[in-house]
Amino acid sequence: MEYDLVIVGGGPVGCEIAALVGNDLNSLVIEEHGQIGLPVQCAGLITPRVIEMTRTGNSILNKLSSADFHFPNGLILEVRGKGTKAFVVDRRRFDEICYERAVSAGASFSLNSKFIGFSNERDKLKLAIEKNGERQIILTKLLIGADGYRSRVSEIGGLGQPLERVRGIQVDIDYEMDEQDIVQIYLGERVAPGFFAWMIPCGSFTRLGLCILEQFGAPVNYLKRLLKQLGLDQRKRIRLSSGIIPIGPLPKTYADRLMIVGDAAGQAKPLSGGGLYTGCIAAQCATKTVLRCFEEEDFSARLTSTYQRAWKRQIGRELDRGYLIRKVFTRLDDKKLDEIGSILKREEVIEILSTGDIDFPSLIAPSVLKAAPSLLKFSPQLLRSLIGK
């Protein structure tokens, strides 16, 4: 079998590329799971931009405008936004719609197929996959790795792995929250060391989850503790899911006949772990490069490098700034978190926070630091770099 383009990974990012390429090329998406959308590995909280880009409005369960931040000492920082800041989606249905768009655009899919590896074969790449216990060989002119954390494509291509990873777990429980437009965020070393926990209203049920740094052990232990702390440990559990989020973009996301996108490239937002918006932007950039490669009949790194320059122009600054802020955050113990909470609770600071953009959270950092300069003491050099001092 031979294709113009092969995409390893049938998640939203891989499907987005396949949908955008459309009938212009003969493309194949290789997906290791037998069913699109499973297993679920995402909190399902995304911005209006993502809904618009992926045309997935039919997956929406709820909309959110505000957030409550719970600090270790009990302080609750109430941030009230104007208008819809995010949508809660049925992540399985979201993925299915992305898949349907790709199929409608002309992409072929090979489900239940394990990607083994690839090698150079004259003017093509020779891929090996395993399907139904049998090894198959596929030839392609161009390969895209959208195969998530611990990307096999990136590893074999010599492009490495993201800087760090966080482990996440979440559960949907039979509990209806009173305030359906407010997400609850929980901070603290005992709650979610190195990250945070969330409680998301989804209409008739609630999604509760958290992420922690890998060195702190199994996230399920923190989830059990949080459920008990919130008095929800006896509630019926509808579904449980878990996953790993890579943090920190790869230094290089391209090579001859090769590009790496999404979580495989470490393009998730460092502050929230969300990867759909950044992944979709990377998918758009990759698609433009793919089409240009075929127009010029040049699949060398000289041309595939234009993909990296494009995504860095659009989201590189946000990822870099977000990673800087994250470095500060991971050094904070509960005492320092509580001190920060007391600084942020000032009305003028909360007003700035309410204008925040989930896809570009670092944009408000300079305004927050100017309104509350005492925050600089928590990491003067790093934080001053955000305001150009």
Protein backbone atom coordinates (compact mmCIF):
# COMPACT_ATOMS: atom_id res chain seq x y z
CA MET A 1 0.00 0.00 0.00
CA GLU A 2 1.24 3.46 -0.84
CA TYR A 3 -0.01 6.89 0.24
CA ASP A 4 0.99 10.50 -0.24
CA LEU A 5 0.61 11.23 3.47
CA VAL A 6 0.43 9.00 6.54
CA ILE A 7 -0.64 10.38 9.92
CA VAL A 8 0.06 8.26 12.98
CA GLY A 9 -2.59 9.05 15.60
CA GLY A 10 -6.34 9.34 15.07
CA GLY A 11 -7.07 11.84 17.83
CA PRO A 12 -8.46 15.32 17.13
CA VAL A 13 -5.12 16.72 15.94
CA GLY A 14 -4.42 13.90 13.51
CA CYS A 15 -8.01 14.00 12.26
CA GLU A 16 -7.82 17.78 11.85
CA ILE A 17 -4.85 17.46 9.51
CA ALA A 18 -6.60 14.72 7.55
CA ALA A 19 -9.74 16.86 7.25
CA LEU A 20 -7.80 19.95 6.15
CA VAL A 21 -5.75 18.05 3.57
CA GLY A 22 -8.98 16.61 2.17
CA ASN A 23 -9.06 15.17 -1.32
CA ASP A 24 -5.91 17.01 -2.35
CA LEU A 25 -3.85 14.01 -1.25
CA ASN A 26 -4.22 10.28 -0.77
CA SER A 27 -3.90 10.14 3.03
CA LEU A 28 -4.05 7.42 5.67
CA VAL A 29 -4.55 7.80 9.44
CA ILE A 30 -3.14 4.98 11.58
CA GLU A 31 -4.88 4.60 14.97
CA GLU A 32 -3.91 2.00 17.56
CA HIS A 33 -7.34 1.79 19.20
CA GLY A 34 -10.24 -0.02 17.65
CA GLN A 35 -12.73 2.75 18.33
CA ILE A 36 -12.35 6.49 17.86
CA GLY A 37 -12.84 8.51 21.05
CA LEU A 38 -11.81 5.74 23.43
CA PRO A 39 -10.21 5.72 25.86
CA VAL A 40 -11.18 9.23 27.02
CA GLN A 41 -8.09 11.08 28.29
CA CYS A 42 -9.16 14.72 28.55
CA ALA A 43 -11.15 16.94 30.92
CA GLY A 44 -13.21 18.07 27.95
CA LEU A 45 -13.01 21.78 28.74
CA ILE A 46 -12.24 23.74 25.58
CA THR A 47 -12.61 27.26 24.26
CA PRO A 48 -15.00 28.63 21.63
CA ARG A 49 -12.03 28.87 19.23
CA VAL A 50 -11.61 25.10 19.26
CA ILE A 51 -15.32 24.48 18.69
CA GLU A 52 -15.19 26.83 15.71
CA MET A 53 -12.03 25.32 14.23
CA THR A 54 -13.20 21.72 14.55
CA ARG A 55 -16.93 22.34 13.94
CA THR A 56 -17.81 20.22 16.95
CA GLY A 57 -20.74 22.19 18.38
CA ASN A 58 -22.83 19.02 18.65
CA SER A 59 -20.50 17.72 21.38
CA ILE A 60 -21.20 20.57 23.83
CA LEU A 61 -22.59 19.60 27.25
CA ASN A 62 -22.33 22.92 29.07
CA LYS A 63 -20.76 26.39 28.93
CA LEU A 64 -18.65 28.12 31.57
CA SER A 65 -18.00 31.78 32.28
CA SER A 66 -16.26 31.81 35.66
CA ALA A 67 -13.92 30.02 38.04
CA ASP A 68 -13.43 29.65 41.79
CA PHE A 69 -9.85 29.04 42.94
CA HIS A 70 -9.55 27.18 46.26
CA PHE A 71 -6.31 27.81 48.16
CA PRO A 72 -4.88 25.47 50.84
CA ASN A 73 -5.96 27.71 53.76
CA GLY A 74 -9.58 27.76 52.60
CA LEU A 75 -9.49 31.09 50.74
CA ILE A 76 -11.70 31.04 47.64
CA LEU A 77 -10.82 33.45 44.86
CA GLU A 78 -13.94 34.11 42.81
CA VAL A 79 -13.19 35.16 39.24
CA ARG A 80 -16.29 36.12 37.29
CA GLY A 81 -15.91 36.40 33.52
CA LYS A 82 -18.14 38.11 31.02
CA GLY A 83 -19.60 35.79 28.41
CA THR A 84 -18.66 32.20 27.65
CA LYS A 85 -15.00 31.45 28.40
CA ALA A 86 -15.13 27.71 27.77
CA PHE A 87 -17.34 24.82 26.75
CA VAL A 88 -17.61 21.44 28.41
CA VAL A 89 -17.80 18.74 25.76
CA ASP A 90 -18.55 15.06 25.53
CA ARG A 91 -14.98 14.18 24.60
CA ARG A 92 -15.89 10.89 22.97
CA ARG A 93 -18.46 12.61 20.74
CA PHE A 94 -15.97 15.42 20.06
CA ASP A 95 -13.43 12.90 18.77
CA GLU A 96 -16.07 11.12 16.70
CA ILE A 97 -17.04 14.35 14.95
CA CYS A 98 -13.38 15.07 14.16
CA TYR A 99 -13.10 11.56 12.70
CA GLU A 100 -16.29 11.97 10.65
CA ARG A 101 -14.97 15.23 9.18
CA ALA A 102 -11.73 13.53 8.15
CA VAL A 103 -13.55 10.61 6.52
CA SER A 104 -15.92 12.97 4.71
CA ALA A 105 -12.89 14.86 3.40
CA GLY A 106 -11.53 11.67 1.84
CA ALA A 107 -9.06 10.31 4.41
CA SER A 108 -8.62 6.56 4.91
CA PHE A 109 -8.30 5.08 8.40
CA SER A 110 -6.60 1.95 9.67
CA LEU A 111 -7.98 1.30 13.17
CA ASN A 112 -6.66 -1.21 15.69
CA SER A 113 -3.27 -0.74 14.05
CA LYS A 114 -0.01 -0.49 15.99
CA PHE A 115 2.70 1.64 14.45
CA ILE A 116 6.00 -0.27 14.63
CA GLY A 117 8.49 2.02 12.93
CA PHE A 118 9.80 3.49 9.71
CA SER A 119 12.90 3.67 7.57
CA ASN A 120 14.05 5.51 4.46
CA GLU A 121 13.33 3.75 1.17
CA ARG A 122 14.78 5.69 -1.77
CA ASP A 123 12.39 8.59 -2.32
CA LYS A 124 9.82 7.41 0.25
CA LEU A 125 9.44 6.24 3.82
CA LYS A 126 8.77 2.58 4.54
CA LEU A 127 6.41 2.12 7.49
CA ALA A 128 5.66 -1.06 9.40
CA ILE A 129 2.38 -1.52 11.26
CA GLU A 130 0.77 -4.47 13.01
CA LYS A 131 -2.94 -5.08 12.44
CA ASN A 132 -4.93 -8.11 13.56
CA GLY A 133 -1.69 -9.86 14.45
CA GLU A 134 -0.19 -9.38 11.00
CA ARG A 135 2.60 -7.03 9.98
CA GLN A 136 1.91 -4.74 7.05
CA ILE A 137 4.20 -2.47 5.05
CA ILE A 138 3.09 1.00 3.94
CA LEU A 139 4.96 3.45 1.74
CA THR A 140 4.50 7.20 2.02
CA LYS A 141 6.12 10.39 0.82
CA LEU A 142 5.42 12.25 4.06
CA LEU A 143 4.83 11.17 7.66
CA ILE A 144 3.21 13.08 10.52
CA GLY A 145 3.46 11.95 14.13
CA ALA A 146 0.30 12.86 16.06
CA ASP A 147 0.65 9.87 18.35
CA GLY A 148 0.60 11.61 21.72
CA TYR A 149 3.00 11.44 24.64
CA ARG A 150 5.88 8.99 24.28
CA SER A 151 5.54 9.34 20.52
CA ARG A 152 6.98 6.39 18.66
CA VAL A 153 7.29 8.49 15.50
CA SER A 154 9.29 11.18 17.28
CA GLU A 155 11.49 8.62 18.99
CA ILE A 156 12.41 6.79 15.79
CA GLY A 157 12.82 10.11 13.98
CA GLY A 158 15.42 11.15 16.54
CA LEU A 159 13.45 14.19 17.74
CA GLY A 160 13.27 13.17 21.40
CA GLN A 161 10.57 13.60 24.04
CA PRO A 162 9.01 16.63 25.82
CA LEU A 163 10.73 18.11 28.88
CA GLU A 164 8.40 16.71 31.56
CA ARG A 165 5.12 14.89 32.05
CA VAL A 166 2.22 15.09 34.45
CA ARG A 167 -0.12 12.23 35.28
CA GLY A 168 -3.84 12.85 35.34
CA ILE A 169 -6.99 11.08 36.44
CA GLN A 170 -10.65 12.07 36.48
CA VAL A 171 -14.03 10.60 37.30
CA ASP A 172 -17.56 11.49 36.23
CA ILE A 173 -19.88 11.19 39.21
CA ASP A 174 -23.63 11.21 39.67
CA TYR A 175 -23.83 14.65 41.24
CA GLU A 176 -25.37 17.85 39.88
CA MET A 177 -23.59 21.05 40.89
CA ASP A 178 -25.71 24.05 41.88
CA GLU A 179 -23.72 26.57 39.84
CA GLN A 180 -23.47 25.23 36.32
CA ASP A 181 -21.38 28.04 34.82
CA ILE A 182 -18.49 27.97 37.33
CA VAL A 183 -15.53 25.59 37.31
CA GLN A 184 -13.90 24.85 40.67
CA ILE A 185 -10.08 24.78 40.81
CA TYR A 186 -8.25 23.32 43.84
CA LEU A 187 -4.62 24.10 44.67
CA GLY A 188 -2.20 22.65 47.18
CA GLU A 189 0.46 20.05 47.90
CA ARG A 190 -2.02 17.61 49.41
CA VAL A 191 -4.52 18.11 46.59
CA ALA A 192 -2.43 18.05 43.41
CA PRO A 193 1.32 18.67 43.85
CA GLY A 194 2.82 20.48 40.89
CA PHE A 195 -0.52 21.05 39.20
CA PHE A 196 -4.18 21.44 40.26
CA ALA A 197 -7.52 19.66 40.61
CA TRP A 198 -10.79 20.58 38.92
CA MET A 199 -14.51 20.08 39.39
CA ILE A 200 -16.48 20.75 36.22
CA PRO A 201 -20.29 20.99 36.03
CA CYS A 202 -21.61 18.88 33.15
CA GLY A 203 -25.34 19.26 33.64
CA SER A 204 -26.72 16.17 35.37
CA PHE A 205 -23.26 14.92 36.37
CA THR A 206 -19.93 16.36 37.56
CA ARG A 207 -16.40 15.76 36.30
CA LEU A 208 -13.76 15.72 39.05
CA GLY A 209 -10.10 15.27 38.26
CA LEU A 210 -6.51 16.30 38.88
CA CYS A 211 -2.96 16.10 37.58
CA ILE A 212 0.25 15.69 39.54
CA LEU A 213 3.95 15.58 38.73
CA GLU A 214 5.14 12.04 38.02
CA GLN A 215 7.43 11.89 41.06
CA PHE A 216 4.49 12.17 43.46
CA GLY A 217 3.19 8.68 42.75
CA ALA A 218 -0.25 7.47 41.72
CA PRO A 219 -2.82 10.22 41.06
CA VAL A 220 -5.66 7.89 42.06
CA ASN A 221 -4.64 8.26 45.72
CA TYR A 222 -5.03 12.05 45.49
CA LEU A 223 -8.38 11.65 43.72
CA LYS A 224 -9.73 9.40 46.47
CA ARG A 225 -8.65 11.92 49.09
CA LEU A 226 -10.27 14.81 47.22
CA LEU A 227 -13.54 12.93 46.74
CA LYS A 228 -13.66 12.26 50.47
CA GLN A 229 -12.71 15.85 51.32
CA LEU A 230 -15.60 17.13 49.19
CA GLY A 231 -18.05 14.59 50.59
CA LEU A 232 -18.47 12.92 47.21
CA ASP A 233 -16.76 9.59 47.84
CA GLN A 234 -20.07 7.71 48.11
CA ARG A 235 -21.51 9.07 44.87
CA LYS A 236 -22.00 6.70 41.96
CA ARG A 237 -19.07 6.75 39.56
CA ILE A 238 -20.16 6.87 35.93
CA ARG A 239 -16.74 6.56 34.27
CA LEU A 240 -13.08 6.81 35.19
CA SER A 241 -10.28 7.90 32.86
CA SER A 242 -6.59 8.67 33.12
CA GLY A 243 -3.73 9.86 30.98
CA ILE A 244 -0.37 11.57 30.76
CA ILE A 245 0.25 15.12 29.53
CA PRO A 246 3.68 16.06 28.14
CA ILE A 247 4.81 19.55 29.14
CA GLY A 248 7.36 21.59 27.19
CA PRO A 249 7.68 21.64 23.38
CA LEU A 250 10.32 19.67 21.52
CA PRO A 251 13.28 21.78 20.36
CA LYS A 252 12.81 20.36 16.87
CA THR A 253 9.51 19.12 15.41
CA TYR A 254 10.56 18.28 11.86
CA ALA A 255 13.02 16.27 9.78
CA ASP A 256 13.25 15.02 6.21
CA ARG A 257 9.74 13.79 5.25
CA LEU A 258 8.61 14.14 8.87
CA MET A 259 6.66 16.47 11.19
CA ILE A 260 5.53 16.03 14.81
CA VAL A 261 2.34 17.68 16.10
CA GLY A 262 0.21 18.03 19.24
CA ASP A 263 1.08 16.20 22.44
CA ALA A 264 3.74 14.25 20.55
CA ALA A 265 5.52 17.59 20.07
CA GLY A 266 4.87 18.76 23.64
CA GLN A 267 2.57 21.53 22.42
CA ALA A 268 0.11 21.34 25.34
CA LYS A 269 -0.32 24.56 27.33
CA PRO A 270 2.08 24.36 30.31
CA LEU A 271 -0.30 26.08 32.75
CA SER A 272 -3.44 24.04 32.11
CA GLY A 273 -2.28 20.98 30.23
CA GLY A 274 -4.85 21.68 27.52
CA GLY A 275 -3.67 20.65 24.09
CA LEU A 276 -6.62 20.99 21.74
CA TYR A 277 -6.25 24.65 20.79
CA THR A 278 -2.48 24.51 20.39
CA GLY A 279 -2.78 21.16 18.63
CA CYS A 280 -5.31 22.52 16.16
CA ILE A 281 -3.09 25.52 15.42
CA ALA A 282 -0.17 23.15 14.85
CA ALA A 283 -2.41 21.03 12.61
CA GLN A 284 -3.20 24.07 10.46
CA CYS A 285 0.49 24.94 10.20
CA ALA A 286 1.41 21.34 9.36
CA THR A 287 -1.27 21.14 6.67
CA LYS A 288 0.04 24.25 4.91
CA THR A 289 3.53 22.77 4.94
CA VAL A 290 2.28 19.41 3.67
CA LEU A 291 0.54 21.01 0.70
CA ARG A 292 3.58 23.15 -0.07
CA CYS A 293 5.83 20.07 0.01
CA PHE A 294 3.71 18.43 -2.67
CA GLU A 295 3.43 21.61 -4.72
CA GLU A 296 7.22 21.96 -4.82
CA GLU A 297 7.91 18.20 -4.76
CA ASP A 298 10.36 18.82 -1.95
CA PHE A 299 10.07 16.77 1.24
CA SER A 300 13.39 17.71 2.79
CA ALA A 301 13.93 19.30 6.18
CA ARG A 302 14.51 22.58 4.38
CA LEU A 303 10.80 22.72 3.59
CA THR A 304 9.32 20.80 6.54
CA SER A 305 11.10 23.29 8.82
CA THR A 306 8.58 25.91 7.67
CA TYR A 307 6.05 24.05 9.84
CA GLN A 308 8.05 24.74 12.98
CA ARG A 309 8.56 28.39 12.13
CA ALA A 310 4.81 28.74 11.54
CA TRP A 311 3.62 27.18 14.80
CA LYS A 312 6.25 29.03 16.80
CA ARG A 313 5.02 32.32 15.36
CA GLN A 314 1.47 31.57 16.46
CA ILE A 315 1.81 29.74 19.79
CA GLY A 316 5.53 29.56 20.59
CA ARG A 317 5.62 32.70 22.72
CA GLU A 318 2.64 31.56 24.79
CA LEU A 319 4.16 28.12 25.36
CA ASP A 320 7.49 29.64 26.41
CA ARG A 321 5.91 32.18 28.76
CA GLY A 322 3.56 29.57 30.16
CA TYR A 323 6.49 27.30 30.89
CA LEU A 324 8.28 30.10 32.74
CA ILE A 325 5.23 30.71 34.93
CA ARG A 326 4.89 26.98 35.48
CA LYS A 327 8.49 26.79 36.74
CA VAL A 328 7.58 29.38 39.37
CA PHE A 329 4.35 27.58 40.28
CA THR A 330 5.97 24.18 40.84
CA ARG A 331 8.35 25.71 43.42
CA LEU A 332 5.52 27.00 45.62
CA ASP A 333 4.61 25.24 48.84
CA ASP A 334 1.21 25.68 50.50
CA LYS A 335 2.40 28.59 52.61
CA LYS A 336 3.51 30.51 49.53
CA LEU A 337 0.32 29.60 47.65
CA ASP A 338 -1.75 31.02 50.50
CA GLU A 339 0.32 34.19 50.47
CA ILE A 340 -0.25 34.54 46.73
CA GLY A 341 -3.98 34.03 47.27
CA SER A 342 -4.07 36.90 49.74
CA ILE A 343 -2.31 39.14 47.20
CA LEU A 344 -4.57 38.18 44.30
CA LYS A 345 -7.83 38.72 46.20
CA ARG A 346 -7.60 42.49 45.76
CA GLU A 347 -10.47 43.79 43.64
CA GLU A 348 -8.28 45.39 40.96
CA VAL A 349 -6.34 42.14 40.51
CA ILE A 350 -9.48 40.00 40.29
CA GLU A 351 -10.78 42.37 37.63
CA ILE A 352 -7.66 41.68 35.55
CA LEU A 353 -7.98 37.93 36.11
CA SER A 354 -11.58 38.04 34.88
CA THR A 355 -10.34 39.21 31.47
CA GLY A 356 -8.02 36.23 31.05
CA ASP A 357 -7.98 34.14 27.89
CA ILE A 358 -7.81 30.39 28.48
CA ASP A 359 -5.89 29.85 25.23
CA PHE A 360 -3.39 32.62 26.06
CA PRO A 361 -3.31 32.72 29.88
CA SER A 362 0.11 34.36 30.12
CA LEU A 363 -1.09 37.51 28.34
CA ILE A 364 -2.46 38.96 31.57
CA ALA A 365 0.71 38.19 33.56
CA PRO A 366 2.31 41.62 32.99
CA SER A 367 -0.88 43.43 34.08
CA VAL A 368 -1.22 41.23 37.16
CA LEU A 369 2.41 41.79 38.14
CA LYS A 370 2.09 45.54 37.69
CA ALA A 371 -1.08 45.61 39.81
CA ALA A 372 0.47 43.33 42.44
CA PRO A 373 4.27 43.85 42.29
CA SER A 374 4.73 41.97 45.58
CA LEU A 375 4.30 38.77 43.52
CA LEU A 376 7.76 39.36 42.07
CA LYS A 377 9.42 38.15 45.26
CA PHE A 378 8.41 34.55 44.53
CA SER A 379 10.85 34.40 41.61
CA PRO A 380 12.19 37.86 40.72
CA GLN A 381 14.27 36.94 37.68
CA LEU A 382 11.68 34.75 35.97
CA LEU A 383 8.70 36.96 36.69
CA ARG A 384 10.50 40.18 35.71
CA SER A 385 11.17 38.61 32.31
CA LEU A 386 7.40 38.54 31.75
CA ILE A 387 7.11 42.30 32.09
CA GLY A 388 10.32 43.13 30.27
CA LYS A 389 12.30 44.35 33.27
